[in-house]
Amino acid sequence: MNHWGLLIIVYLFMGGMGAGAYLTSFIANRGFLGHVPNLKYLGYMISAPIVALGTGLLVLDLGQGLRKPWLLFRLVTNFQSVMSWGTIILCCFIFIGLIRGYLAWKNKQSLKLLDYLGVILAFATAGYTGMLLAAVSAIPFWNNGFIPILFIISALSTGMSATTFLAYFIGKEPDEHRRVNLMHLILVAIELLVLFLFFTALSQGKMGAIAIQSERMLLYDKFSFAFWFFFVGIGLVGPLILYLYNYFHAANLWLRLKRFFANRKESETKNSIKNEFKYSWLCDIAILIGGFSLRCLIVLAALPLWNGLIN
């Protein structure tokens, strides 16, 4: 097994979620998520603190970063290292994110250049959490192009869920969530597709025999319950079904049929819509559980070349 522990897993999760939260507010401000005002600023406000906290856990895991903090400056001196590039990206994103979050908190106009720079850094941060694993050539299960893609999609999904979860409790507008549900639905569907392609490539032996051992641990062996129940069941399939239901509910297609056959009044159907959205936050929690489970499983199921050869 590899020696990456819980602090690294939490960092990978928080780094992606914070980046996704920033992107959520960015696309909400461009009108792609309908008229839900809270989404336009909450993601900006929480993104940098979440990534900064995750980065702090990474420093804590390094050990030497606390005892000899001056050694951390070496992380930005080797430009051939993924870790060095990641450190620079994280620092820049936290800096830009704090500025953008402050402007959102004060309800002040932001420069477009600042917003777009934040978008670039957000994607880079989300991608780096996957590249950090993909760059480890000694672990075939990580050393492929699927891991960064999975982590980026999961970052967008968890970041949006964290933001919409907070937006729901701060102030909700049930009739305006159809586009939010559609975006959630698209992200979950894409994640399922990439996951299917990843495991298809694994089962065909394209990443080697040791990567197949990691796959078997996830699908049939040691981590199979966590994989199928927490990640696939709670984190992907459950939200997929509920987002499909909520999307068509918000589009009134299902309610029109119910009203036609049950002769329900229009006012009753509107109340029904609002009641349905009282439980939309459960989908957000499920997505967050799935995103954390993904990173746990990817890290814990990884076998290094030498360990795989011994086994």
Protein backbone atom coordinates (compact mmCIF):
# COMPACT_ATOMS: atom_id res chain seq x y z
CA MET A 1 0.00 0.00 0.00
CA ASN A 2 1.03 3.66 -0.42
CA HIS A 3 1.65 5.87 2.58
CA TRP A 4 -0.77 8.68 1.79
CA GLY A 5 -3.12 9.16 4.72
CA LEU A 6 -6.28 10.92 5.77
CA LEU A 7 -4.84 14.45 5.73
CA ILE A 8 -3.87 14.08 2.07
CA ILE A 9 -7.31 12.70 1.22
CA VAL A 10 -9.04 15.62 2.96
CA TYR A 11 -6.73 18.06 1.17
CA LEU A 12 -7.56 16.53 -2.23
CA PHE A 13 -11.26 16.80 -1.41
CA MET A 14 -11.17 20.37 -0.09
CA GLY A 15 -8.90 21.60 -2.88
CA GLY A 16 -11.31 20.36 -5.52
CA MET A 17 -14.42 21.49 -3.67
CA GLY A 18 -13.07 25.01 -3.13
CA ALA A 19 -12.13 25.35 -6.80
CA GLY A 20 -15.57 24.07 -7.83
CA ALA A 21 -17.29 26.56 -5.53
CA TYR A 22 -15.51 29.46 -7.25
CA LEU A 23 -16.55 28.16 -10.68
CA THR A 24 -20.14 27.78 -9.46
CA SER A 25 -20.43 31.47 -8.63
CA PHE A 26 -18.70 32.39 -11.87
CA ILE A 27 -21.20 30.53 -14.07
CA ALA A 28 -24.09 31.67 -11.86
CA ASN A 29 -23.11 35.29 -12.53
CA ARG A 30 -23.27 34.55 -16.25
CA GLY A 31 -26.86 33.37 -15.93
CA PHE A 32 -26.25 29.67 -16.60
CA LEU A 33 -27.86 28.60 -13.31
CA GLY A 34 -31.04 30.64 -13.54
CA HIS A 35 -32.07 33.30 -11.05
CA VAL A 36 -30.69 32.15 -7.70
CA PRO A 37 -28.93 35.25 -6.30
CA ASN A 38 -27.11 33.49 -3.45
CA LEU A 39 -25.18 31.31 -5.88
CA LYS A 40 -23.69 34.43 -7.44
CA TYR A 41 -21.58 35.28 -4.40
CA LEU A 42 -21.45 32.32 -1.96
CA GLY A 43 -19.02 30.30 -4.07
CA TYR A 44 -16.62 33.23 -4.24
CA MET A 45 -16.79 33.68 -0.48
CA ILE A 46 -16.10 30.08 0.51
CA SER A 47 -13.65 29.00 -2.20
CA ALA A 48 -10.37 30.45 -0.92
CA PRO A 49 -10.94 29.57 2.78
CA ILE A 50 -11.74 25.96 1.84
CA VAL A 51 -8.63 25.61 -0.34
CA ALA A 52 -6.47 27.38 2.27
CA LEU A 53 -7.66 25.01 5.00
CA GLY A 54 -6.96 22.02 2.77
CA THR A 55 -3.50 23.36 1.96
CA GLY A 56 -2.85 23.78 5.68
CA LEU A 57 -3.61 20.09 6.16
CA LEU A 58 -1.14 19.30 3.37
CA VAL A 59 1.57 21.29 5.17
CA LEU A 60 0.67 19.49 8.40
CA ASP A 61 1.08 16.14 6.64
CA LEU A 62 4.53 17.15 5.40
CA GLY A 63 5.72 17.35 9.00
CA GLN A 64 8.85 19.37 8.26
CA GLY A 65 6.63 22.27 7.23
CA LEU A 66 5.77 22.87 10.88
CA ARG A 67 9.16 22.19 12.43
CA LYS A 68 11.20 23.94 9.71
CA PRO A 69 8.80 26.21 7.76
CA TRP A 70 11.63 27.76 5.74
CA LEU A 71 11.98 24.44 3.93
CA LEU A 72 8.59 25.07 2.29
CA PHE A 73 10.20 27.72 0.08
CA ARG A 74 12.00 24.89 -1.71
CA LEU A 75 8.62 23.81 -3.06
CA VAL A 76 8.60 26.73 -5.48
CA THR A 77 12.19 26.43 -6.71
CA ASN A 78 11.99 23.24 -8.80
CA PHE A 79 9.92 24.12 -11.86
CA GLN A 80 10.20 20.57 -13.20
CA SER A 81 8.27 19.25 -10.20
CA VAL A 82 4.49 18.87 -10.17
CA MET A 83 4.58 19.73 -6.47
CA SER A 84 6.27 23.08 -7.19
CA TRP A 85 3.75 24.01 -9.87
CA GLY A 86 0.94 22.94 -7.56
CA THR A 87 2.26 25.09 -4.71
CA ILE A 88 2.38 28.14 -6.98
CA ILE A 89 -1.14 27.44 -8.31
CA LEU A 90 -2.57 27.00 -4.81
CA CYS A 91 -0.97 30.20 -3.48
CA CYS A 92 -2.16 32.22 -6.47
CA PHE A 93 -5.68 30.83 -6.30
CA ILE A 94 -5.99 31.49 -2.56
CA PHE A 95 -4.76 35.07 -3.09
CA ILE A 96 -7.14 35.79 -5.99
CA GLY A 97 -9.98 33.90 -4.26
CA LEU A 98 -9.65 35.98 -1.09
CA ILE A 99 -9.81 39.21 -3.09
CA ARG A 100 -12.84 38.02 -5.08
CA GLY A 101 -14.52 36.71 -1.94
CA TYR A 102 -14.03 40.06 -0.19
CA LEU A 103 -15.55 41.92 -3.14
CA ALA A 104 -18.52 39.54 -3.13
CA TRP A 105 -18.98 39.99 0.62
CA LYS A 106 -18.94 43.77 0.25
CA ASN A 107 -21.16 43.54 -2.84
CA LYS A 108 -18.60 45.42 -4.90
CA GLN A 109 -18.01 45.13 -8.64
CA SER A 110 -15.08 42.98 -9.69
CA LEU A 111 -12.84 43.40 -12.72
CA LYS A 112 -13.49 40.84 -15.45
CA LEU A 113 -9.76 40.16 -15.61
CA LEU A 114 -9.79 39.17 -11.93
CA ASP A 115 -12.78 36.86 -12.43
CA TYR A 116 -11.28 35.09 -15.45
CA LEU A 117 -7.89 34.77 -13.78
CA GLY A 118 -9.69 33.10 -10.89
CA VAL A 119 -11.41 30.72 -13.32
CA ILE A 120 -8.08 29.67 -14.83
CA LEU A 121 -6.58 29.13 -11.39
CA ALA A 122 -9.68 27.27 -10.21
CA PHE A 123 -9.43 24.79 -13.08
CA ALA A 124 -5.70 24.50 -12.45
CA THR A 125 -6.32 23.82 -8.75
CA ALA A 126 -8.95 21.18 -9.47
CA GLY A 127 -6.73 19.58 -12.09
CA TYR A 128 -3.65 19.68 -9.85
CA THR A 129 -5.35 17.57 -7.18
CA GLY A 130 -5.57 14.85 -9.83
CA MET A 131 -2.19 15.54 -11.46
CA LEU A 132 -0.53 15.14 -8.07
CA LEU A 133 -1.59 11.48 -8.21
CA ALA A 134 -1.22 10.97 -11.97
CA ALA A 135 2.41 12.09 -11.82
CA VAL A 136 3.35 9.14 -9.57
CA SER A 137 4.66 6.69 -12.17
CA ALA A 138 5.31 4.02 -9.53
CA ILE A 139 1.54 3.58 -9.04
CA PRO A 140 -0.08 2.47 -12.33
CA PHE A 141 -3.59 2.90 -10.90
CA TRP A 142 -2.91 6.65 -10.63
CA ASN A 143 -0.52 7.12 -13.53
CA ASN A 144 -3.09 7.76 -16.28
CA GLY A 145 -5.18 10.56 -17.79
CA PHE A 146 -8.46 9.47 -16.22
CA ILE A 147 -7.60 10.52 -12.65
CA PRO A 148 -7.23 14.28 -13.36
CA ILE A 149 -10.43 14.24 -15.45
CA LEU A 150 -12.35 12.45 -12.69
CA PHE A 151 -11.04 14.88 -10.08
CA ILE A 152 -11.94 17.96 -12.16
CA ILE A 153 -15.50 16.74 -12.75
CA SER A 154 -15.86 15.77 -9.10
CA ALA A 155 -14.51 19.18 -8.07
CA LEU A 156 -17.15 20.95 -10.15
CA SER A 157 -19.86 18.69 -8.74
CA THR A 158 -18.85 18.93 -5.06
CA GLY A 159 -18.17 22.67 -5.33
CA MET A 160 -21.63 23.26 -6.77
CA SER A 161 -23.20 21.05 -4.11
CA ALA A 162 -21.43 22.87 -1.28
CA THR A 163 -22.56 26.22 -2.69
CA THR A 164 -26.17 25.21 -3.39
CA PHE A 165 -26.38 23.56 0.04
CA LEU A 166 -25.46 26.85 1.72
CA ALA A 167 -27.67 28.83 -0.66
CA TYR A 168 -30.67 26.69 0.22
CA PHE A 169 -30.47 27.50 3.93
CA ILE A 170 -29.53 31.17 3.51
CA GLY A 171 -32.38 31.83 1.09
CA LYS A 172 -34.12 29.56 -1.38
CA GLU A 173 -36.11 30.16 -4.55
CA PRO A 174 -37.58 26.75 -5.46
CA ASP A 175 -39.08 27.76 -8.81
CA GLU A 176 -35.67 28.80 -10.15
CA HIS A 177 -33.71 25.59 -9.56
CA ARG A 178 -34.39 23.83 -12.86
CA ARG A 179 -31.08 24.95 -14.42
CA VAL A 180 -29.19 24.09 -11.22
CA ASN A 181 -30.65 20.58 -11.32
CA LEU A 182 -29.77 20.26 -15.00
CA MET A 183 -26.15 21.25 -14.34
CA HIS A 184 -25.95 18.79 -11.44
CA LEU A 185 -27.46 16.12 -13.66
CA ILE A 186 -24.93 16.72 -16.46
CA LEU A 187 -21.96 16.61 -14.09
CA VAL A 188 -23.07 13.36 -12.42
CA ALA A 189 -23.76 11.75 -15.80
CA ILE A 190 -20.32 12.77 -17.13
CA GLU A 191 -18.64 11.45 -13.98
CA LEU A 192 -20.39 8.10 -14.41
CA LEU A 193 -19.28 7.97 -18.05
CA VAL A 194 -15.63 8.74 -17.24
CA LEU A 195 -15.74 6.21 -14.40
CA PHE A 196 -17.06 3.57 -16.80
CA LEU A 197 -14.30 4.32 -19.34
CA PHE A 198 -11.67 4.25 -16.58
CA PHE A 199 -12.68 0.83 -15.30
CA THR A 200 -13.08 -0.50 -18.83
CA ALA A 201 -9.47 0.51 -19.57
CA LEU A 202 -8.36 -1.08 -16.30
CA SER A 203 -10.15 -4.38 -16.96
CA GLN A 204 -8.63 -4.57 -20.44
CA GLY A 205 -5.17 -4.41 -18.92
CA LYS A 206 -4.18 -1.11 -20.51
CA MET A 207 -2.61 0.08 -17.25
CA GLY A 208 -0.92 -3.16 -16.31
CA ALA A 209 -1.52 -6.12 -14.02
CA ILE A 210 -0.92 -4.19 -10.81
CA ALA A 211 -3.60 -1.63 -11.67
CA ILE A 212 -6.00 -4.56 -12.20
CA GLN A 213 -5.33 -5.61 -8.60
CA SER A 214 -6.41 -2.14 -7.45
CA GLU A 215 -9.53 -2.44 -9.59
CA ARG A 216 -10.41 -5.79 -8.05
CA MET A 217 -10.01 -4.37 -4.54
CA LEU A 218 -12.57 -1.72 -5.43
CA LEU A 219 -15.07 -3.81 -7.35
CA TYR A 220 -15.00 -7.18 -5.60
CA ASP A 221 -12.71 -7.25 -2.61
CA LYS A 222 -11.50 -5.10 0.27
CA PHE A 223 -13.14 -1.79 -0.63
CA SER A 224 -16.10 -3.11 -2.63
CA PHE A 225 -18.77 -2.17 -0.07
CA ALA A 226 -17.49 1.40 0.25
CA PHE A 227 -17.17 1.66 -3.54
CA TRP A 228 -20.64 0.40 -4.45
CA PHE A 229 -22.58 1.77 -1.47
CA PHE A 230 -20.98 5.11 -0.61
CA PHE A 231 -19.44 6.19 -3.91
CA VAL A 232 -21.64 4.67 -6.63
CA GLY A 233 -24.91 4.27 -4.72
CA ILE A 234 -25.05 7.36 -2.49
CA GLY A 235 -22.67 9.61 -4.41
CA LEU A 236 -23.70 8.99 -8.03
CA VAL A 237 -26.73 6.83 -8.78
CA GLY A 238 -28.91 8.21 -5.97
CA PRO A 239 -28.37 11.87 -6.93
CA LEU A 240 -28.71 11.00 -10.63
CA ILE A 241 -32.20 9.61 -10.04
CA LEU A 242 -33.24 12.47 -7.76
CA TYR A 243 -31.87 15.16 -10.07
CA LEU A 244 -33.73 13.60 -12.99
CA TYR A 245 -36.92 13.60 -10.96
CA ASN A 246 -36.41 17.16 -9.69
CA TYR A 247 -35.48 18.47 -13.14
CA PHE A 248 -38.67 17.19 -14.74
CA HIS A 249 -40.59 18.29 -11.65
CA ALA A 250 -39.24 21.83 -12.04
CA ALA A 251 -40.14 21.75 -15.72
CA ASN A 252 -43.72 20.92 -14.64
CA LEU A 253 -43.88 17.94 -16.99
CA TRP A 254 -44.59 15.43 -14.25
CA LEU A 255 -46.95 17.76 -12.40
CA ARG A 256 -48.99 18.47 -15.51
CA LEU A 257 -49.62 14.76 -15.91
CA LYS A 258 -50.53 14.39 -12.24
CA ARG A 259 -52.86 17.37 -12.44
CA PHE A 260 -54.47 16.00 -15.59
CA PHE A 261 -55.20 12.58 -14.11
CA ALA A 262 -55.92 13.67 -10.53
CA ASN A 263 -57.65 16.96 -11.40
CA ARG A 264 -55.41 18.87 -9.00
CA LYS A 265 -55.51 22.65 -8.87
CA GLU A 266 -52.55 24.68 -10.12
CA SER A 267 -51.98 26.22 -6.68
CA GLU A 268 -51.65 22.74 -5.21
CA THR A 269 -49.02 21.77 -7.76
CA LYS A 270 -46.98 24.89 -7.00
CA ASN A 271 -46.99 23.97 -3.32
CA SER A 272 -45.93 20.48 -4.31
CA ILE A 273 -42.94 21.88 -6.19
CA LYS A 274 -41.85 23.83 -3.13
CA ASN A 275 -42.26 20.78 -0.91
CA GLU A 276 -40.14 18.67 -3.24
CA PHE A 277 -37.30 21.19 -3.10
CA LYS A 278 -37.24 21.03 0.68
CA TYR A 279 -35.28 17.81 0.24
CA SER A 280 -32.91 18.92 -2.52
CA TRP A 281 -30.20 19.50 0.08
CA LEU A 282 -30.05 15.73 0.56
CA CYS A 283 -28.71 15.46 -2.99
CA ASP A 284 -25.99 17.98 -2.14
CA ILE A 285 -24.93 15.95 0.91
CA ALA A 286 -24.93 12.78 -1.18
CA ILE A 287 -22.69 14.41 -3.80
CA LEU A 288 -20.26 15.54 -1.09
CA ILE A 289 -20.17 12.03 0.39
CA GLY A 290 -19.50 10.64 -3.08
CA GLY A 291 -16.73 13.14 -3.78
CA PHE A 292 -14.95 12.36 -0.51
CA SER A 293 -15.42 8.62 -1.06
CA LEU A 294 -13.89 8.90 -4.54
CA ARG A 295 -10.69 10.37 -3.19
CA CYS A 296 -10.54 7.92 -0.27
CA LEU A 297 -10.93 4.93 -2.57
CA ILE A 298 -8.52 6.17 -5.25
CA VAL A 299 -5.82 6.76 -2.62
CA LEU A 300 -6.39 3.66 -0.49
CA ALA A 301 -6.72 1.17 -3.35
CA ALA A 302 -3.48 2.23 -5.03
CA LEU A 303 -0.70 -0.37 -5.19
CA PRO A 304 2.91 0.59 -5.96
CA LEU A 305 4.83 -1.46 -8.50
CA TRP A 306 6.98 -3.20 -5.91
CA ASN A 307 4.01 -4.05 -3.65
CA GLY A 308 2.07 -5.45 -6.58
CA LEU A 309 5.02 -7.62 -7.62
CA ILE A 310 5.39 -9.01 -4.10
CA ASN A 311 1.71 -9.84 -3.89
